[in-house]
């Protein structure tokens, strides 16, 4: 495995909804980071894009921590494959397959850890070092390599970004 690391909090400027590409070509392995919401109503989200061909064609995982205390409005973890299988389209057509609630919910203003495992077409997401994935999906696009990036729909601090690429 080869590794990429960024350690400092706030080192990555993710103020735009377009992914900030990290300059790493990635096919399979693990992407990990710590994130913390910066206020708001809890509708904001943080995402990791992978297998990107450009700014509009990529796979992504989004995590939306919620400030709401009711379980039905808990943290959502969702997969999307831009541009044809957007989060909105998959949520409307196949919500239970590509969007999963995470219970207990993650604090929208607290730090949480995200680990995304990508092995060929299989994607698994683990949050806060849980041993069972919150969501497990088969990728919908046909790209098996591309850039890695992070994005947010509102402000987040990000720290400890680690990308471990399989070298076999």
Protein backbone atom coordinates (compact mmCIF):
# COMPACT_ATOMS: atom_id res chain seq x y z
CA UNK A 1 0.00 0.00 0.00
CA UNK A 2 1.06 3.56 -0.62
CA UNK A 3 -0.18 6.40 1.55
CA UNK A 4 -1.10 10.08 1.28
CA UNK A 5 -1.54 12.03 4.53
CA UNK A 6 -2.74 15.51 5.53
CA UNK A 7 -2.72 16.04 9.28
CA UNK A 8 -3.75 19.58 10.21
CA UNK A 9 -7.28 20.70 10.98
CA UNK A 10 -8.64 23.23 8.50
CA UNK A 11 -5.80 22.57 6.05
CA UNK A 12 -8.24 21.80 3.25
CA UNK A 13 -10.52 24.59 1.96
CA UNK A 14 -13.81 22.87 1.13
CA UNK A 15 -16.02 25.93 0.88
CA UNK A 16 -17.14 25.12 -2.68
CA UNK A 17 -19.56 22.26 -3.49
CA UNK A 18 -17.23 21.13 -6.29
CA UNK A 19 -14.79 18.47 -5.07
CA UNK A 20 -11.32 19.69 -4.17
CA UNK A 21 -9.13 17.20 -6.01
CA UNK A 22 -6.18 15.94 -4.00
CA UNK A 23 -4.05 15.17 -7.06
CA UNK A 24 -4.05 11.42 -6.42
CA UNK A 25 -5.01 8.80 -8.99
CA UNK A 26 -6.81 6.04 -7.11
CA UNK A 27 -8.29 2.66 -8.04
CA UNK A 28 -8.74 0.62 -4.85
CA UNK A 29 -7.87 0.90 -1.19
CA UNK A 30 -9.03 3.02 1.75
CA UNK A 31 -9.79 6.74 2.15
CA UNK A 32 -10.03 8.00 5.74
CA UNK A 33 -10.56 11.40 7.33
CA UNK A 34 -11.94 13.17 10.39
CA UNK A 35 -14.61 15.84 9.95
CA UNK A 36 -16.58 18.31 12.07
CA UNK A 37 -19.52 20.47 11.06
CA UNK A 38 -19.25 24.23 11.50
CA UNK A 39 -22.74 25.04 12.72
CA UNK A 40 -25.86 25.46 10.66
CA UNK A 41 -29.10 23.53 10.88
CA UNK A 42 -27.56 20.10 10.42
CA UNK A 43 -28.53 19.79 6.76
CA UNK A 44 -24.93 20.24 5.63
CA UNK A 45 -22.85 17.31 4.47
CA UNK A 46 -19.30 16.23 3.78
CA UNK A 47 -18.35 13.96 0.93
CA UNK A 48 -15.50 12.07 -0.65
CA UNK A 49 -15.38 11.70 -4.42
CA UNK A 50 -13.38 8.95 -6.09
CA UNK A 51 -12.75 7.49 -9.54
CA UNK A 52 -13.27 11.00 -10.88
CA UNK A 53 -12.84 11.58 -14.59
CA UNK A 54 -13.44 15.34 -14.26
CA UNK A 55 -15.42 17.83 -12.10
CA UNK A 56 -18.76 16.30 -13.08
CA UNK A 57 -18.13 12.55 -13.51
CA UNK A 58 -17.26 10.63 -10.33
CA UNK A 59 -18.51 8.29 -7.60
CA UNK A 60 -19.08 9.78 -4.14
CA UNK A 61 -20.08 9.07 -0.59
CA UNK A 62 -21.84 11.82 1.39
CA UNK A 63 -22.41 11.98 5.13
CA UNK A 64 -25.02 14.34 6.50
CA UNK A 65 -24.86 14.58 10.30
CA UNK A 66 -28.11 15.79 11.81
CA UNK A 67 -28.87 18.04 14.76
CA UNK A 68 -32.33 16.53 14.99
CA UNK A 69 -32.74 14.04 17.82
CA UNK A 70 -35.45 11.90 16.23
CA UNK A 71 -34.10 8.64 14.74
CA UNK A 72 -35.94 9.10 11.43
CA UNK A 73 -33.92 12.29 10.88
CA UNK A 74 -30.57 10.83 11.89
CA UNK A 75 -27.29 10.93 10.04
CA UNK A 76 -27.62 9.81 6.44
CA UNK A 77 -24.80 8.09 4.58
CA UNK A 78 -25.42 8.07 0.83
CA UNK A 79 -23.72 6.90 -2.37
CA UNK A 80 -24.04 8.65 -5.72
CA UNK A 81 -22.50 8.31 -9.19
CA UNK A 82 -22.42 11.67 -10.94
CA UNK A 83 -23.83 12.76 -13.33
CA UNK A 84 -26.53 10.13 -14.00
CA UNK A 85 -27.17 8.66 -10.55
CA UNK A 86 -27.31 11.77 -8.37
CA UNK A 87 -28.10 11.63 -4.67
CA UNK A 88 -31.60 13.06 -5.35
CA UNK A 89 -32.36 10.53 -8.10
CA UNK A 90 -31.17 7.54 -6.10
CA UNK A 91 -32.98 8.74 -2.97
CA UNK A 92 -36.23 9.04 -4.95
CA UNK A 93 -35.87 5.80 -6.95
CA UNK A 94 -33.94 3.45 -4.63
CA UNK A 95 -33.58 5.09 -1.23
CA UNK A 96 -33.06 1.92 0.78
CA UNK A 97 -30.25 0.73 -1.49
CA UNK A 98 -28.06 3.83 -1.68
CA UNK A 99 -28.96 5.88 1.41
CA UNK A 100 -28.71 4.44 4.89
CA UNK A 101 -29.39 6.01 8.28
CA UNK A 102 -26.62 5.79 10.82
CA UNK A 103 -27.87 5.08 14.32
CA UNK A 104 -26.97 6.42 16.70
CA UNK A 105 -26.73 9.66 14.79
CA UNK A 106 -23.43 11.55 14.57
CA UNK A 107 -23.26 14.95 16.30
CA UNK A 108 -23.35 17.59 13.55
CA UNK A 109 -20.95 19.84 15.48
CA UNK A 110 -18.65 17.13 16.84
CA UNK A 111 -15.72 15.31 15.27
CA UNK A 112 -16.41 12.00 13.54
CA UNK A 113 -14.18 9.58 11.66
CA UNK A 114 -14.96 8.28 8.16
CA UNK A 115 -13.39 5.27 6.46
CA UNK A 116 -14.33 4.44 2.86
CA UNK A 117 -13.12 1.10 1.52
CA UNK A 118 -13.17 0.71 -2.28
CA UNK A 119 -12.33 -2.72 -3.67
CA UNK A 120 -13.11 -3.05 -7.38
CA UNK A 121 -16.86 -2.24 -7.62
CA UNK A 122 -17.57 -2.77 -3.89
CA UNK A 123 -17.81 0.33 -1.67
CA UNK A 124 -18.13 0.15 2.14
CA UNK A 125 -18.38 3.08 4.53
CA UNK A 126 -17.50 2.88 8.21
CA UNK A 127 -18.10 5.79 10.60
CA UNK A 128 -16.51 6.31 14.00
CA UNK A 129 -14.50 3.09 13.82
CA UNK A 130 -17.57 0.83 13.72
CA UNK A 131 -16.71 -2.71 12.63
CA UNK A 132 -19.84 -3.10 10.47
CA UNK A 133 -20.27 -0.82 7.46
CA UNK A 134 -23.01 1.81 7.66
CA UNK A 135 -23.56 1.34 3.95
CA UNK A 136 -22.29 -1.19 1.40
CA UNK A 137 -22.99 -0.71 -2.31
CA UNK A 138 -21.90 -1.87 -5.73
CA UNK A 139 -20.69 1.10 -7.79
CA UNK A 140 -22.97 2.24 -10.60
CA UNK A 141 -20.43 3.71 -12.98
CA UNK A 142 -17.86 1.80 -15.01
CA UNK A 143 -14.70 3.72 -14.07
CA UNK A 144 -12.25 1.79 -11.91
CA UNK A 145 -9.66 4.53 -11.49
CA UNK A 146 -9.59 8.32 -11.21
CA UNK A 147 -8.93 11.25 -8.90
CA UNK A 148 -9.89 11.52 -5.22
CA UNK A 149 -11.42 14.68 -3.75
CA UNK A 150 -13.39 16.06 -0.81
CA UNK A 151 -16.44 18.35 -0.93
CA UNK A 152 -19.05 19.88 1.35
CA UNK A 153 -22.50 21.41 1.01
CA UNK A 154 -21.67 23.74 3.92
CA UNK A 155 -18.73 24.36 6.22
CA UNK A 156 -16.69 21.52 7.71
CA UNK A 157 -13.31 21.18 9.29
CA UNK A 158 -11.34 18.23 7.92
CA UNK A 159 -8.27 16.64 9.46
CA UNK A 160 -6.14 13.52 9.23
CA UNK A 161 -6.82 12.66 5.60
CA UNK A 162 -5.21 9.32 4.77
CA UNK A 163 -5.41 7.53 1.42
CA UNK A 164 -4.06 3.99 1.29
CA UNK A 165 -3.86 2.65 -2.24
CA UNK A 166 -3.70 -1.07 -2.97
CA UNK A 167 -0.51 -1.71 -4.92
CA UNK A 168 -1.17 -5.30 -5.98
